[in-house]
PDB file of all heavy atoms in Angstrom:
ATOM      1  N   PHE A   1    -124.596   1.064 -45.821  1.00  0.00           N
ATOM      2  CA  PHE A   1    -125.008   2.359 -46.082  1.00  0.00           C
ATOM      3  C   PHE A   1    -126.197   2.439 -46.968  1.00  0.00           C
ATOM      4  O   PHE A   1    -127.261   3.105 -46.650  1.00  0.00           O
ATOM      5  CB  PHE A   1    -123.881   3.233 -46.674  1.00  0.00           C
ATOM      6  CG  PHE A   1    -124.394   4.545 -47.214  1.00  0.00           C
ATOM      7  CD1 PHE A   1    -124.639   5.625 -46.329  1.00  0.00           C
ATOM      8  CD2 PHE A   1    -124.607   4.781 -48.573  1.00  0.00           C
ATOM      9  CE1 PHE A   1    -125.078   6.848 -46.781  1.00  0.00           C
ATOM     10  CE2 PHE A   1    -125.086   5.943 -49.031  1.00  0.00           C
ATOM     11  CZ  PHE A   1    -125.277   7.040 -48.062  1.00  0.00           C
ATOM     12  N   LEU A   2    -126.259   1.602 -48.060  1.00  0.00           N
ATOM     13  CA  LEU A   2    -127.316   1.604 -48.895  1.00  0.00           C
ATOM     14  C   LEU A   2    -128.598   1.043 -48.341  1.00  0.00           C
ATOM     15  O   LEU A   2    -129.762   1.508 -48.644  1.00  0.00           O
ATOM     16  CB  LEU A   2    -127.022   0.839 -50.198  1.00  0.00           C
ATOM     17  CG  LEU A   2    -125.968   1.481 -51.135  1.00  0.00           C
ATOM     18  CD1 LEU A   2    -125.483   0.615 -52.235  1.00  0.00           C
ATOM     19  CD2 LEU A   2    -126.550   2.812 -51.666  1.00  0.00           C
ATOM     20  N   LEU A   3    -128.420   0.028 -47.473  1.00  0.00           N
ATOM     21  CA  LEU A   3    -129.638  -0.585 -46.862  1.00  0.00           C
ATOM     22  C   LEU A   3    -130.234   0.381 -45.874  1.00  0.00           C
ATOM     23  O   LEU A   3    -131.443   0.382 -45.674  1.00  0.00           O
ATOM     24  CB  LEU A   3    -129.242  -1.905 -46.184  1.00  0.00           C
ATOM     25  CG  LEU A   3    -128.852  -3.003 -47.119  1.00  0.00           C
ATOM     26  CD1 LEU A   3    -128.404  -4.233 -46.274  1.00  0.00           C
ATOM     27  CD2 LEU A   3    -130.050  -3.331 -48.003  1.00  0.00           C
ATOM     28  N   ARG A   4    -129.401   1.292 -45.222  1.00  0.00           N
ATOM     29  CA  ARG A   4    -129.959   2.291 -44.366  1.00  0.00           C
ATOM     30  C   ARG A   4    -130.577   3.440 -45.210  1.00  0.00           C
ATOM     31  O   ARG A   4    -131.629   4.034 -44.846  1.00  0.00           O
ATOM     32  CB  ARG A   4    -128.926   2.930 -43.470  1.00  0.00           C
ATOM     33  CG  ARG A   4    -128.418   1.922 -42.440  1.00  0.00           C
ATOM     34  CD  ARG A   4    -127.476   2.659 -41.392  1.00  0.00           C
ATOM     35  NE  ARG A   4    -126.275   3.147 -41.960  1.00  0.00           N
ATOM     36  CZ  ARG A   4    -125.099   2.479 -42.124  1.00  0.00           C
ATOM     37  NH1 ARG A   4    -125.079   1.219 -41.722  1.00  0.00           N
ATOM     38  NH2 ARG A   4    -124.127   3.120 -42.657  1.00  0.00           N
ATOM     39  N   PHE A   5    -129.914   3.817 -46.345  1.00  0.00           N
ATOM     40  CA  PHE A   5    -130.452   4.882 -47.109  1.00  0.00           C
ATOM     41  C   PHE A   5    -131.666   4.448 -47.986  1.00  0.00           C
ATOM     42  O   PHE A   5    -132.542   5.304 -48.188  1.00  0.00           O
ATOM     43  CB  PHE A   5    -129.294   5.317 -48.101  1.00  0.00           C
ATOM     44  CG  PHE A   5    -129.654   6.484 -49.047  1.00  0.00           C
ATOM     45  CD1 PHE A   5    -129.890   7.719 -48.548  1.00  0.00           C
ATOM     46  CD2 PHE A   5    -129.743   6.213 -50.402  1.00  0.00           C
ATOM     47  CE1 PHE A   5    -130.212   8.736 -49.413  1.00  0.00           C
ATOM     48  CE2 PHE A   5    -130.133   7.199 -51.273  1.00  0.00           C
ATOM     49  CZ  PHE A   5    -130.333   8.455 -50.800  1.00  0.00           C
ATOM     50  N   LEU A   6    -131.671   3.219 -48.422  1.00  0.00           N
ATOM     51  CA  LEU A   6    -132.803   2.629 -49.190  1.00  0.00           C
ATOM     52  C   LEU A   6    -133.297   1.405 -48.526  1.00  0.00           C
ATOM     53  O   LEU A   6    -133.111   0.256 -48.956  1.00  0.00           O
ATOM     54  CB  LEU A   6    -132.315   2.292 -50.669  1.00  0.00           C
ATOM     55  CG  LEU A   6    -131.822   3.430 -51.522  1.00  0.00           C
ATOM     56  CD1 LEU A   6    -131.236   2.897 -52.802  1.00  0.00           C
ATOM     57  CD2 LEU A   6    -133.014   4.367 -51.874  1.00  0.00           C
ATOM     58  N   PRO A   7    -134.059   1.606 -47.369  1.00  0.00           N
ATOM     59  CA  PRO A   7    -134.607   0.405 -46.637  1.00  0.00           C
ATOM     60  C   PRO A   7    -135.652  -0.265 -47.523  1.00  0.00           C
ATOM     61  O   PRO A   7    -136.205   0.303 -48.442  1.00  0.00           O
ATOM     62  CB  PRO A   7    -135.175   1.033 -45.391  1.00  0.00           C
ATOM     63  CG  PRO A   7    -135.574   2.450 -45.817  1.00  0.00           C
ATOM     64  CD  PRO A   7    -134.497   2.872 -46.795  1.00  0.00           C
ATOM     65  N   PRO A   8    -135.957  -1.576 -47.185  1.00  0.00           N
ATOM     66  CA  PRO A   8    -137.009  -2.279 -47.875  1.00  0.00           C
ATOM     67  C   PRO A   8    -138.328  -1.469 -47.790  1.00  0.00           C
ATOM     68  O   PRO A   8    -138.742  -0.926 -46.776  1.00  0.00           O
ATOM     69  CB  PRO A   8    -137.145  -3.646 -47.080  1.00  0.00           C
ATOM     70  CG  PRO A   8    -135.756  -3.822 -46.577  1.00  0.00           C
ATOM     71  CD  PRO A   8    -135.306  -2.452 -46.158  1.00  0.00           C
ATOM     72  N   GLY A   9    -139.112  -1.428 -48.937  1.00  0.00           N
ATOM     73  CA  GLY A   9    -140.293  -0.710 -48.975  1.00  0.00           C
ATOM     74  C   GLY A   9    -140.647  -0.363 -50.436  1.00  0.00           C
ATOM     75  O   GLY A   9    -139.954  -0.833 -51.320  1.00  0.00           O
ATOM     76  N   ALA A  10    -141.587   0.542 -50.571  1.00  0.00           N
ATOM     77  CA  ALA A  10    -142.105   0.831 -51.916  1.00  0.00           C
ATOM     78  C   ALA A  10    -141.064   1.487 -52.835  1.00  0.00           C
ATOM     79  O   ALA A  10    -140.969   1.217 -54.000  1.00  0.00           O
ATOM     80  CB  ALA A  10    -143.324   1.762 -51.766  1.00  0.00           C
ATOM     81  N   VAL A  11    -140.214   2.385 -52.219  1.00  0.00           N
ATOM     82  CA  VAL A  11    -139.256   3.106 -53.011  1.00  0.00           C
ATOM     83  C   VAL A  11    -138.218   2.112 -53.547  1.00  0.00           C
ATOM     84  O   VAL A  11    -137.853   2.141 -54.759  1.00  0.00           O
ATOM     85  CB  VAL A  11    -138.563   4.235 -52.224  1.00  0.00           C
ATOM     86  CG1 VAL A  11    -137.419   4.851 -53.041  1.00  0.00           C
ATOM     87  CG2 VAL A  11    -139.562   5.310 -51.869  1.00  0.00           C
ATOM     88  N   ARG A  12    -137.719   1.221 -52.723  1.00  0.00           N
ATOM     89  CA  ARG A  12    -136.714   0.276 -53.100  1.00  0.00           C
ATOM     90  C   ARG A  12    -137.254  -0.697 -54.053  1.00  0.00           C
ATOM     91  O   ARG A  12    -136.630  -1.089 -55.120  1.00  0.00           O
ATOM     92  CB  ARG A  12    -136.200  -0.464 -51.825  1.00  0.00           C
ATOM     93  CG  ARG A  12    -135.027  -1.365 -52.138  1.00  0.00           C
ATOM     94  CD  ARG A  12    -134.525  -1.965 -50.883  1.00  0.00           C
ATOM     95  NE  ARG A  12    -133.369  -2.883 -51.159  1.00  0.00           N
ATOM     96  CZ  ARG A  12    -132.059  -2.443 -51.128  1.00  0.00           C
ATOM     97  NH1 ARG A  12    -131.793  -1.233 -50.910  1.00  0.00           N
ATOM     98  NH2 ARG A  12    -131.099  -3.327 -51.436  1.00  0.00           N
ATOM     99  N   ASP A  13    -138.594  -1.074 -53.921  1.00  0.00           N
ATOM    100  CA  ASP A  13    -139.177  -1.966 -54.901  1.00  0.00           C
ATOM    101  C   ASP A  13    -139.249  -1.300 -56.266  1.00  0.00           C
ATOM    102  O   ASP A  13    -139.043  -1.898 -57.295  1.00  0.00           O
ATOM    103  CB  ASP A  13    -140.609  -2.435 -54.465  1.00  0.00           C
ATOM    104  CG  ASP A  13    -140.595  -3.374 -53.343  1.00  0.00           C
ATOM    105  OD1 ASP A  13    -139.516  -3.992 -53.071  1.00  0.00           O
ATOM    106  OD2 ASP A  13    -141.601  -3.556 -52.704  1.00  0.00           O
ATOM    107  N   LEU A  14    -139.563  -0.021 -56.222  1.00  0.00           N
ATOM    108  CA  LEU A  14    -139.612   0.752 -57.502  1.00  0.00           C
ATOM    109  C   LEU A  14    -138.256   0.742 -58.219  1.00  0.00           C
ATOM    110  O   LEU A  14    -138.078   0.559 -59.439  1.00  0.00           O
ATOM    111  CB  LEU A  14    -140.037   2.166 -57.260  1.00  0.00           C
ATOM    112  CG  LEU A  14    -140.228   3.081 -58.477  1.00  0.00           C
ATOM    113  CD1 LEU A  14    -141.248   2.525 -59.465  1.00  0.00           C
ATOM    114  CD2 LEU A  14    -140.579   4.517 -57.999  1.00  0.00           C
ATOM    115  N   LEU A  15    -137.215   0.991 -57.420  1.00  0.00           N
ATOM    116  CA  LEU A  15    -135.810   0.978 -57.970  1.00  0.00           C
ATOM    117  C   LEU A  15    -135.425  -0.313 -58.495  1.00  0.00           C
ATOM    118  O   LEU A  15    -134.766  -0.439 -59.507  1.00  0.00           O
ATOM    119  CB  LEU A  15    -134.848   1.483 -56.913  1.00  0.00           C
ATOM    120  CG  LEU A  15    -134.980   2.957 -56.490  1.00  0.00           C
ATOM    121  CD1 LEU A  15    -133.992   3.304 -55.350  1.00  0.00           C
ATOM    122  CD2 LEU A  15    -134.819   3.937 -57.588  1.00  0.00           C
ATOM    123  N   HIS A  16    -135.877  -1.358 -57.866  1.00  0.00           N
ATOM    124  CA  HIS A  16    -135.606  -2.751 -58.409  1.00  0.00           C
ATOM    125  C   HIS A  16    -136.300  -2.981 -59.607  1.00  0.00           C
ATOM    126  O   HIS A  16    -135.840  -3.754 -60.540  1.00  0.00           O
ATOM    127  CB  HIS A  16    -135.904  -3.770 -57.321  1.00  0.00           C
ATOM    128  CG  HIS A  16    -134.920  -3.952 -56.246  1.00  0.00           C
ATOM    129  ND1 HIS A  16    -133.610  -4.106 -56.395  1.00  0.00           N
ATOM    130  CD2 HIS A  16    -135.154  -3.921 -54.941  1.00  0.00           C
ATOM    131  CE1 HIS A  16    -133.005  -4.204 -55.252  1.00  0.00           C
ATOM    132  NE2 HIS A  16    -133.920  -4.104 -54.260  1.00  0.00           N
ATOM    133  N   GLY A  17    -137.471  -2.419 -59.830  1.00  0.00           N
ATOM    134  CA  GLY A  17    -138.344  -2.641 -60.939  1.00  0.00           C
ATOM    135  C   GLY A  17    -139.485  -3.628 -60.700  1.00  0.00           C
ATOM    136  O   GLY A  17    -140.023  -4.196 -61.657  1.00  0.00           O
ATOM    137  N   VAL A  18    -139.801  -3.852 -59.503  1.00  0.00           N
ATOM    138  CA  VAL A  18    -140.897  -4.758 -59.151  1.00  0.00           C
ATOM    139  C   VAL A  18    -142.216  -4.439 -59.835  1.00  0.00           C
ATOM    140  O   VAL A  18    -142.940  -5.323 -60.383  1.00  0.00           O
ATOM    141  CB  VAL A  18    -141.085  -4.861 -57.558  1.00  0.00           C
ATOM    142  CG1 VAL A  18    -142.337  -5.661 -57.245  1.00  0.00           C
ATOM    143  CG2 VAL A  18    -139.909  -5.443 -56.913  1.00  0.00           C
ATOM    144  N   PRO A  19    -142.633  -3.089 -59.894  1.00  0.00           N
ATOM    145  CA  PRO A  19    -143.909  -2.769 -60.610  1.00  0.00           C
ATOM    146  C   PRO A  19    -143.806  -3.184 -62.107  1.00  0.00           C
ATOM    147  O   PRO A  19    -144.899  -3.297 -62.752  1.00  0.00           O
ATOM    148  CB  PRO A  19    -144.118  -1.280 -60.288  1.00  0.00           C
ATOM    149  CG  PRO A  19    -143.271  -0.990 -59.134  1.00  0.00           C
ATOM    150  CD  PRO A  19    -142.121  -1.919 -59.182  1.00  0.00           C
ATOM    151  N   LEU A  20    -142.649  -3.196 -62.614  1.00  0.00           N
ATOM    152  CA  LEU A  20    -142.504  -3.411 -64.110  1.00  0.00           C
ATOM    153  C   LEU A  20    -142.462  -4.873 -64.353  1.00  0.00           C
ATOM    154  O   LEU A  20    -142.598  -5.343 -65.532  1.00  0.00           O
ATOM    155  CB  LEU A  20    -141.214  -2.679 -64.630  1.00  0.00           C
ATOM    156  CG  LEU A  20    -141.098  -1.223 -64.337  1.00  0.00           C
ATOM    157  CD1 LEU A  20    -139.710  -0.790 -64.880  1.00  0.00           C
ATOM    158  CD2 LEU A  20    -142.204  -0.490 -65.072  1.00  0.00           C
ATOM    159  N   GLY A  21    -142.139  -5.700 -63.302  1.00  0.00           N
ATOM    160  CA  GLY A  21    -141.918  -7.155 -63.619  1.00  0.00           C
ATOM    161  C   GLY A  21    -140.601  -7.440 -64.299  1.00  0.00           C
ATOM    162  O   GLY A  21    -140.386  -8.538 -64.917  1.00  0.00           O
ATOM    163  N   HIS A  22    -139.621  -6.477 -64.223  1.00  0.00           N
ATOM    164  CA  HIS A  22    -138.410  -6.597 -64.927  1.00  0.00           C
ATOM    165  C   HIS A  22    -137.438  -5.600 -64.211  1.00  0.00           C
ATOM    166  O   HIS A  22    -137.750  -4.527 -63.764  1.00  0.00           O
ATOM    167  CB  HIS A  22    -138.615  -6.148 -66.366  1.00  0.00           C
ATOM    168  CG  HIS A  22    -137.415  -6.234 -67.274  1.00  0.00           C
ATOM    169  ND1 HIS A  22    -136.339  -5.423 -67.221  1.00  0.00           N
ATOM    170  CD2 HIS A  22    -137.175  -7.171 -68.297  1.00  0.00           C
ATOM    171  CE1 HIS A  22    -135.492  -5.771 -68.182  1.00  0.00           C
ATOM    172  NE2 HIS A  22    -135.891  -6.754 -68.774  1.00  0.00           N
ATOM    173  N   PRO A  23    -136.136  -5.990 -64.170  1.00  0.00           N
ATOM    174  CA  PRO A  23    -135.157  -5.046 -63.564  1.00  0.00           C
ATOM    175  C   PRO A  23    -135.203  -3.669 -64.211  1.00  0.00           C
ATOM    176  O   PRO A  23    -135.166  -3.604 -65.408  1.00  0.00           O
ATOM    177  CB  PRO A  23    -133.860  -5.719 -63.664  1.00  0.00           C
ATOM    178  CG  PRO A  23    -134.152  -7.099 -63.730  1.00  0.00           C
ATOM    179  CD  PRO A  23    -135.477  -7.241 -64.515  1.00  0.00           C
ATOM    180  N   ALA A  24    -135.225  -2.608 -63.464  1.00  0.00           N
ATOM    181  CA  ALA A  24    -135.324  -1.300 -64.087  1.00  0.00           C
ATOM    182  C   ALA A  24    -133.967  -0.763 -64.547  1.00  0.00           C
ATOM    183  O   ALA A  24    -133.946   0.064 -65.390  1.00  0.00           O
ATOM    184  CB  ALA A  24    -135.881  -0.281 -62.985  1.00  0.00           C
ATOM    185  N   HIS A  25    -132.868  -1.224 -63.914  1.00  0.00           N
ATOM    186  CA  HIS A  25    -131.589  -0.636 -64.174  1.00  0.00           C
ATOM    187  C   HIS A  25    -131.133  -0.916 -65.652  1.00  0.00           C
ATOM    188  O   HIS A  25    -130.697   0.111 -66.295  1.00  0.00           O
ATOM    189  CB  HIS A  25    -130.513  -1.198 -63.208  1.00  0.00           C
ATOM    190  CG  HIS A  25    -129.155  -0.717 -63.461  1.00  0.00           C
ATOM    191  ND1 HIS A  25    -128.792   0.583 -63.166  1.00  0.00           N
ATOM    192  CD2 HIS A  25    -128.073  -1.392 -63.882  1.00  0.00           C
ATOM    193  CE1 HIS A  25    -127.446   0.740 -63.437  1.00  0.00           C
ATOM    194  NE2 HIS A  25    -127.008  -0.460 -63.900  1.00  0.00           N
ATOM    195  N   PRO A  26    -131.147  -2.120 -66.214  1.00  0.00           N
ATOM    196  CA  PRO A  26    -130.575  -2.323 -67.537  1.00  0.00           C
ATOM    197  C   PRO A  26    -131.183  -1.437 -68.656  1.00  0.00           C
ATOM    198  O   PRO A  26    -130.442  -0.781 -69.383  1.00  0.00           O
ATOM    199  CB  PRO A  26    -130.851  -3.829 -67.785  1.00  0.00           C
ATOM    200  CG  PRO A  26    -130.908  -4.396 -66.434  1.00  0.00           C
ATOM    201  CD  PRO A  26    -131.560  -3.395 -65.571  1.00  0.00           C
ATOM    202  N   PRO A  27    -132.561  -1.317 -68.707  1.00  0.00           N
ATOM    203  CA  PRO A  27    -133.011  -0.486 -69.828  1.00  0.00           C
ATOM    204  C   PRO A  27    -132.719   1.009 -69.616  1.00  0.00           C
ATOM    205  O   PRO A  27    -132.518   1.783 -70.576  1.00  0.00           O
ATOM    206  CB  PRO A  27    -134.568  -0.682 -69.819  1.00  0.00           C
ATOM    207  CG  PRO A  27    -134.851  -1.256 -68.426  1.00  0.00           C
ATOM    208  CD  PRO A  27    -133.616  -2.039 -68.090  1.00  0.00           C
ATOM    209  N   LEU A  28    -132.627   1.499 -68.384  1.00  0.00           N
ATOM    210  CA  LEU A  28    -132.364   2.850 -68.083  1.00  0.00           C
ATOM    211  C   LEU A  28    -130.924   3.240 -68.613  1.00  0.00           C
ATOM    212  O   LEU A  28    -130.644   4.366 -68.910  1.00  0.00           O
ATOM    213  CB  LEU A  28    -132.550   3.202 -66.612  1.00  0.00           C
ATOM    214  CG  LEU A  28    -133.957   3.223 -66.125  1.00  0.00           C
ATOM    215  CD1 LEU A  28    -133.959   3.483 -64.644  1.00  0.00           C
ATOM    216  CD2 LEU A  28    -134.723   4.304 -66.754  1.00  0.00           C
ATOM    217  N   THR A  29    -130.007   2.274 -68.514  1.00  0.00           N
ATOM    218  CA  THR A  29    -128.602   2.531 -68.905  1.00  0.00           C
ATOM    219  C   THR A  29    -128.523   2.930 -70.468  1.00  0.00           C
ATOM    220  O   THR A  29    -127.609   3.583 -70.885  1.00  0.00           O
ATOM    221  CB  THR A  29    -127.746   1.352 -68.632  1.00  0.00           C
ATOM    222  OG1 THR A  29    -128.106   0.263 -69.394  1.00  0.00           O
ATOM    223  CG2 THR A  29    -127.736   0.951 -67.168  1.00  0.00           C
ATOM    224  N   ASP A  30    -129.511   2.473 -71.198  1.00  0.00           N
ATOM    225  CA  ASP A  30    -129.404   2.833 -72.660  1.00  0.00           C
ATOM    226  C   ASP A  30    -129.505   4.260 -72.955  1.00  0.00           C
ATOM    227  O   ASP A  30    -128.934   4.685 -73.981  1.00  0.00           O
ATOM    228  CB  ASP A  30    -130.659   2.082 -73.313  1.00  0.00           C
ATOM    229  CG  ASP A  30    -130.523   0.527 -73.391  1.00  0.00           C
ATOM    230  OD1 ASP A  30    -129.432   0.068 -73.060  1.00  0.00           O
ATOM    231  OD2 ASP A  30    -131.563  -0.074 -73.683  1.00  0.00           O
ATOM    232  N   VAL A  31    -130.156   5.025 -72.052  1.00  0.00           N
ATOM    233  CA  VAL A  31    -130.332   6.443 -72.339  1.00  0.00           C
ATOM    234  C   VAL A  31    -128.934   7.212 -72.282  1.00  0.00           C
ATOM    235  O   VAL A  31    -128.576   7.859 -73.236  1.00  0.00           O
ATOM    236  CB  VAL A  31    -131.399   7.096 -71.430  1.00  0.00           C
ATOM    237  CG1 VAL A  31    -131.551   8.608 -71.787  1.00  0.00           C
ATOM    238  CG2 VAL A  31    -132.723   6.341 -71.572  1.00  0.00           C
ATOM    239  N   PRO A  32    -128.304   7.219 -71.033  1.00  0.00           N
ATOM    240  CA  PRO A  32    -127.010   7.929 -71.035  1.00  0.00           C
ATOM    241  C   PRO A  32    -126.011   7.367 -71.972  1.00  0.00           C
ATOM    242  O   PRO A  32    -125.236   8.157 -72.602  1.00  0.00           O
ATOM    243  CB  PRO A  32    -126.602   7.772 -69.589  1.00  0.00           C
ATOM    244  CG  PRO A  32    -127.286   6.649 -69.047  1.00  0.00           C
ATOM    245  CD  PRO A  32    -128.601   6.591 -69.811  1.00  0.00           C
ATOM    246  N   VAL A  33    -125.969   6.046 -72.152  1.00  0.00           N
ATOM    247  CA  VAL A  33    -124.878   5.433 -73.023  1.00  0.00           C
ATOM    248  C   VAL A  33    -125.169   5.874 -74.461  1.00  0.00           C
ATOM    249  O   VAL A  33    -124.263   6.297 -75.206  1.00  0.00           O
ATOM    250  CB  VAL A  33    -124.955   3.904 -72.889  1.00  0.00           C
ATOM    251  CG1 VAL A  33    -124.083   3.267 -74.015  1.00  0.00           C
ATOM    252  CG2 VAL A  33    -124.405   3.435 -71.527  1.00  0.00           C
ATOM    253  N   GLY A  34    -126.415   5.781 -74.824  1.00  0.00           N
ATOM    254  CA  GLY A  34    -126.798   6.292 -76.186  1.00  0.00           C
ATOM    255  C   GLY A  34    -126.454   7.765 -76.476  1.00  0.00           C
ATOM    256  O   GLY A  34    -125.999   8.149 -77.502  1.00  0.00           O
ATOM    257  N   CYS A  35    -126.867   8.639 -75.403  1.00  0.00           N
ATOM    258  CA  CYS A  35    -126.605  10.037 -75.614  1.00  0.00           C
ATOM    259  C   CYS A  35    -125.083  10.276 -75.736  1.00  0.00           C
ATOM    260  O   CYS A  35    -124.679  11.122 -76.573  1.00  0.00           O
ATOM    261  CB  CYS A  35    -127.211  10.772 -74.371  1.00  0.00           C
ATOM    262  SG  CYS A  35    -128.991  10.917 -74.439  1.00  0.00           S
ATOM    263  N   TRP A  36    -124.316   9.703 -74.855  1.00  0.00           N
ATOM    264  CA  TRP A  36    -122.869   9.984 -74.878  1.00  0.00           C
ATOM    265  C   TRP A  36    -122.183   9.467 -76.090  1.00  0.00           C
ATOM    266  O   TRP A  36    -121.271  10.091 -76.634  1.00  0.00           O
ATOM    267  CB  TRP A  36    -122.241   9.425 -73.563  1.00  0.00           C
ATOM    268  CG  TRP A  36    -122.675  10.194 -72.301  1.00  0.00           C
ATOM    269  CD1 TRP A  36    -123.128  11.496 -72.338  1.00  0.00           C
ATOM    270  CD2 TRP A  36    -122.782   9.710 -71.028  1.00  0.00           C
ATOM    271  NE1 TRP A  36    -123.476  11.846 -71.030  1.00  0.00           N
ATOM    272  CE2 TRP A  36    -123.197  10.823 -70.268  1.00  0.00           C
ATOM    273  CE3 TRP A  36    -122.463   8.544 -70.453  1.00  0.00           C
ATOM    274  CZ2 TRP A  36    -123.419  10.697 -68.874  1.00  0.00           C
ATOM    275  CZ3 TRP A  36    -122.593   8.414 -69.064  1.00  0.00           C
ATOM    276  CH2 TRP A  36    -123.112   9.411 -68.276  1.00  0.00           C
TER     277      TRP A  36
END
């Protein structure tokens, strides 16, 4: 389902963190965890 919903391309690369040179998910988790 996810591969159909998020096929390879610019959006998926952005979600992985390719433009950052670093995975995007780990630093983003700090925000909700810190707030809660």
